[in-house]
Structure formats: structure tokens, C-alpha cells
Amino acid sequence: MPKRIFEFRCVKDHVSEKYVDDEVTSVECPHCHNDASRIISSPMFKLEGFTGAFPTAYDAWERKRAEAMRVAHKQNAE
């Protein structure tokens, strides 16, 4: 059975995350020990501010590498 992180909310509105099997729909609230039901949480994603494109790990690596190359080039020129 695959496990994933899900969010759960209890009757007192405590929200917590738990790593459980896909079939699990309720757990004990770690704050008040009441039953907490699995909720649908909003996905997290980040858009690039100017164009609205989805940045990737390669884009971040490419920017960091270009900056490192500029710094190295500047140091070699001195």
C-alpha cells in the first residue's frame, strides 16, 4: 500500500499532517485527541513572477551556475 502525506482536520479545527496509507480517512488529532478527518488541501506551486511560467529545478540550477560563472570570471579578471 502506498503511503503519502495527507492533511487532517478535527472538530476543533486543528489541522495536522500525517504520513498514512491512501485508504486512511481519519486519524487521532495530535492536539486534542479527537477524530480528525482527511481534508483536500490546496496544492503548492510557484509561478515565475514576470511571465507566469512554471520554474523548474533546471532553471534554478542554470541561474545559480550563471551567477557563479560571473563571479569566477570577475575574480579571474582582477
N, C-alpha and C. Protein backbone atom coordinates (compact mmCIF):
# COMPACT_ATOMS: atom_id res chain seq x y z
N MET A 1 0.83 -1.19 0.00
CA MET A 1 0.00 0.00 0.00
C MET A 1 0.88 1.25 0.00
N PRO A 2 0.66 2.15 -0.94
CA PRO A 2 1.46 3.38 -0.95
C PRO A 2 1.06 4.33 0.17
N LYS A 3 2.05 4.99 0.73
CA LYS A 3 1.80 5.98 1.78
C LYS A 3 2.10 7.37 1.23
N ARG A 4 1.32 8.33 1.71
CA ARG A 4 1.53 9.73 1.33
C ARG A 4 1.22 10.61 2.53
N ILE A 5 1.58 11.87 2.42
CA ILE A 5 1.26 12.84 3.46
C ILE A 5 -0.10 13.45 3.14
N PHE A 6 -1.00 13.38 4.12
CA PHE A 6 -2.32 13.97 3.99
C PHE A 6 -2.55 14.95 5.14
N GLU A 7 -3.45 15.91 4.91
CA GLU A 7 -3.85 16.82 5.98
C GLU A 7 -5.15 16.33 6.58
N PHE A 8 -5.27 16.52 7.90
CA PHE A 8 -6.46 16.11 8.64
C PHE A 8 -6.93 17.28 9.48
N ARG A 9 -8.26 17.41 9.64
CA ARG A 9 -8.85 18.46 10.48
C ARG A 9 -9.83 17.82 11.46
N CYS A 10 -9.72 18.24 12.72
CA CYS A 10 -10.63 17.71 13.74
C CYS A 10 -11.81 18.68 13.94
N VAL A 11 -12.73 18.32 14.84
CA VAL A 11 -13.91 19.15 15.09
C VAL A 11 -13.56 20.49 15.73
N LYS A 12 -12.38 20.58 16.34
CA LYS A 12 -11.94 21.85 16.94
C LYS A 12 -11.07 22.67 15.98
N ASP A 13 -11.08 22.30 14.71
CA ASP A 13 -10.36 22.98 13.63
C ASP A 13 -8.84 22.93 13.74
N HIS A 14 -8.30 21.96 14.44
CA HIS A 14 -6.86 21.74 14.41
C HIS A 14 -6.52 21.05 13.09
N VAL A 15 -5.53 21.54 12.39
CA VAL A 15 -5.10 20.92 11.14
C VAL A 15 -3.73 20.32 11.38
N SER A 16 -3.56 19.07 10.96
CA SER A 16 -2.28 18.39 11.11
C SER A 16 -2.01 17.55 9.87
N GLU A 17 -0.75 17.18 9.69
CA GLU A 17 -0.35 16.32 8.58
C GLU A 17 0.08 14.98 9.15
N LYS A 18 -0.14 13.94 8.36
CA LYS A 18 0.27 12.61 8.80
C LYS A 18 0.61 11.78 7.57
N TYR A 19 1.63 10.97 7.69
CA TYR A 19 2.08 10.07 6.64
C TYR A 19 1.33 8.75 6.82
N VAL A 20 0.35 8.49 5.94
CA VAL A 20 -0.53 7.32 6.11
C VAL A 20 -0.78 6.64 4.76
N ASP A 21 -1.39 5.46 4.84
CA ASP A 21 -1.82 4.75 3.63
C ASP A 21 -2.92 5.55 2.93
N ASP A 22 -3.07 5.33 1.63
CA ASP A 22 -4.09 6.03 0.85
C ASP A 22 -5.51 5.79 1.36
N GLU A 23 -5.77 4.64 1.94
CA GLU A 23 -7.12 4.29 2.36
C GLU A 23 -7.54 4.93 3.68
N VAL A 24 -6.60 5.47 4.45
CA VAL A 24 -6.91 6.04 5.76
C VAL A 24 -7.66 7.36 5.57
N THR A 25 -8.83 7.49 6.21
CA THR A 25 -9.64 8.70 6.07
C THR A 25 -9.77 9.48 7.37
N SER A 26 -9.38 8.86 8.51
CA SER A 26 -9.42 9.59 9.77
C SER A 26 -8.31 9.09 10.69
N VAL A 27 -7.83 10.01 11.51
CA VAL A 27 -6.77 9.70 12.49
C VAL A 27 -7.09 10.45 13.77
N GLU A 28 -6.32 10.20 14.80
CA GLU A 28 -6.49 10.93 16.06
C GLU A 28 -5.75 12.25 15.97
N CYS A 29 -6.40 13.33 16.36
CA CYS A 29 -5.79 14.65 16.36
C CYS A 29 -4.66 14.67 17.39
N PRO A 30 -3.46 15.11 17.01
CA PRO A 30 -2.35 15.14 17.96
C PRO A 30 -2.49 16.25 19.01
N HIS A 31 -3.40 17.21 18.79
CA HIS A 31 -3.57 18.33 19.71
C HIS A 31 -4.62 18.05 20.78
N CYS A 32 -5.81 17.55 20.36
CA CYS A 32 -6.92 17.36 21.31
C CYS A 32 -7.39 15.91 21.41
N HIS A 33 -6.81 15.03 20.60
CA HIS A 33 -7.10 13.59 20.61
C HIS A 33 -8.51 13.23 20.16
N ASN A 34 -9.22 14.15 19.49
CA ASN A 34 -10.49 13.84 18.86
C ASN A 34 -10.21 13.22 17.49
N ASP A 35 -11.25 12.68 16.85
CA ASP A 35 -11.08 12.17 15.50
C ASP A 35 -10.86 13.34 14.54
N ALA A 36 -9.92 13.15 13.62
CA ALA A 36 -9.64 14.15 12.59
C ALA A 36 -9.87 13.50 11.24
N SER A 37 -10.62 14.17 10.38
CA SER A 37 -10.93 13.64 9.05
C SER A 37 -9.97 14.20 8.02
N ARG A 38 -9.70 13.39 7.01
CA ARG A 38 -8.81 13.81 5.93
C ARG A 38 -9.49 14.91 5.13
N ILE A 39 -8.74 15.94 4.79
CA ILE A 39 -9.28 17.05 4.01
C ILE A 39 -8.52 17.18 2.71
N ILE A 40 -9.13 17.83 1.76
CA ILE A 40 -8.46 18.12 0.49
C ILE A 40 -7.74 19.45 0.67
N SER A 41 -6.44 19.41 0.59
CA SER A 41 -5.66 20.63 0.76
C SER A 41 -5.30 21.20 -0.60
N SER A 42 -5.05 22.48 -0.62
CA SER A 42 -4.69 23.13 -1.88
C SER A 42 -3.26 22.76 -2.25
N PRO A 43 -3.01 22.51 -3.53
CA PRO A 43 -1.66 22.17 -3.95
C PRO A 43 -0.74 23.37 -3.85
N MET A 44 0.53 23.10 -3.67
CA MET A 44 1.51 24.19 -3.59
C MET A 44 2.30 24.21 -4.89
N PHE A 45 2.32 25.36 -5.54
CA PHE A 45 3.16 25.54 -6.70
C PHE A 45 3.57 27.00 -6.77
N LYS A 46 4.61 27.27 -7.52
CA LYS A 46 5.16 28.61 -7.56
C LYS A 46 5.30 29.03 -9.01
N LEU A 47 4.73 30.17 -9.34
CA LEU A 47 4.87 30.71 -10.68
C LEU A 47 5.97 31.75 -10.70
N GLU A 48 6.66 31.83 -11.82
CA GLU A 48 7.66 32.86 -12.00
C GLU A 48 6.90 34.18 -12.11
N GLY A 49 7.34 35.19 -11.39
CA GLY A 49 6.59 36.42 -11.26
C GLY A 49 6.34 37.21 -12.52
N PHE A 50 7.26 37.22 -13.45
CA PHE A 50 7.14 38.08 -14.62
C PHE A 50 6.30 37.46 -15.73
N THR A 51 6.61 36.21 -16.08
CA THR A 51 5.93 35.59 -17.22
C THR A 51 4.81 34.65 -16.81
N GLY A 52 4.81 34.20 -15.57
CA GLY A 52 3.82 33.23 -15.14
C GLY A 52 4.21 31.81 -15.48
N ALA A 53 5.43 31.61 -15.96
CA ALA A 53 5.90 30.27 -16.31
C ALA A 53 6.20 29.48 -15.05
N PHE A 54 6.14 28.17 -15.15
CA PHE A 54 6.49 27.30 -14.03
C PHE A 54 8.00 27.11 -14.00
N PRO A 55 8.65 27.57 -12.94
CA PRO A 55 10.11 27.37 -12.86
C PRO A 55 10.41 25.91 -12.56
N THR A 56 11.53 25.47 -13.04
CA THR A 56 11.95 24.09 -12.80
C THR A 56 13.26 24.09 -12.04
N ALA A 57 13.65 22.94 -11.57
CA ALA A 57 14.93 22.80 -10.88
C ALA A 57 16.07 23.16 -11.83
N TYR A 58 15.92 22.82 -13.11
CA TYR A 58 16.97 23.15 -14.07
C TYR A 58 17.12 24.66 -14.20
N ASP A 59 16.01 25.39 -14.22
CA ASP A 59 16.08 26.85 -14.32
C ASP A 59 16.82 27.45 -13.13
N ALA A 60 16.53 26.95 -11.95
CA ALA A 60 17.22 27.44 -10.74
C ALA A 60 18.70 27.12 -10.82
N TRP A 61 19.04 25.89 -11.24
CA TRP A 61 20.44 25.50 -11.38
C TRP A 61 21.14 26.39 -12.41
N GLU A 62 20.48 26.65 -13.52
CA GLU A 62 21.06 27.46 -14.58
C GLU A 62 21.35 28.89 -14.09
N ARG A 63 20.41 29.48 -13.33
CA ARG A 63 20.63 30.83 -12.79
C ARG A 63 21.80 30.85 -11.81
N LYS A 64 21.85 29.87 -10.91
CA LYS A 64 22.93 29.80 -9.94
C LYS A 64 24.27 29.59 -10.62
N ARG A 65 24.30 28.75 -11.63
CA ARG A 65 25.53 28.49 -12.36
C ARG A 65 26.00 29.74 -13.10
N ALA A 66 25.08 30.46 -13.73
CA ALA A 66 25.44 31.69 -14.45
C ALA A 66 26.01 32.72 -13.48
N GLU A 67 25.42 32.85 -12.31
CA GLU A 67 25.93 33.79 -11.30
C GLU A 67 27.32 33.36 -10.83
N ALA A 68 27.51 32.07 -10.59
CA ALA A 68 28.82 31.57 -10.17
C ALA A 68 29.86 31.81 -11.25
N MET A 69 29.48 31.65 -12.50
CA MET A 69 30.42 31.89 -13.61
C MET A 69 30.78 33.37 -13.68
N ARG A 70 29.81 34.28 -13.45
CA ARG A 70 30.10 35.72 -13.46
C ARG A 70 31.08 36.07 -12.34
N VAL A 71 30.85 35.51 -11.16
CA VAL A 71 31.73 35.78 -10.02
C VAL A 71 33.13 35.26 -10.31
N ALA A 72 33.23 34.04 -10.83
CA ALA A 72 34.54 33.45 -11.14
C ALA A 72 35.25 34.25 -12.21
N HIS A 73 34.52 34.69 -13.22
CA HIS A 73 35.12 35.48 -14.31
C HIS A 73 35.64 36.81 -13.76
N LYS A 74 34.87 37.44 -12.89
CA LYS A 74 35.28 38.70 -12.29
C LYS A 74 36.53 38.53 -11.43
N GLN A 75 36.59 37.43 -10.65
CA GLN A 75 37.75 37.17 -9.82
C GLN A 75 38.98 36.89 -10.65
N ASN A 76 38.82 36.20 -11.77
CA ASN A 76 39.96 35.90 -12.65
C ASN A 76 40.46 37.15 -13.35
N ALA A 77 39.58 38.10 -13.59
CA ALA A 77 39.95 39.34 -14.28
C ALA A 77 40.75 40.27 -13.38
N GLU A 78 40.63 40.12 -12.07
CA GLU A 78 41.32 41.01 -11.12
C GLU A 78 42.73 40.67 -10.95
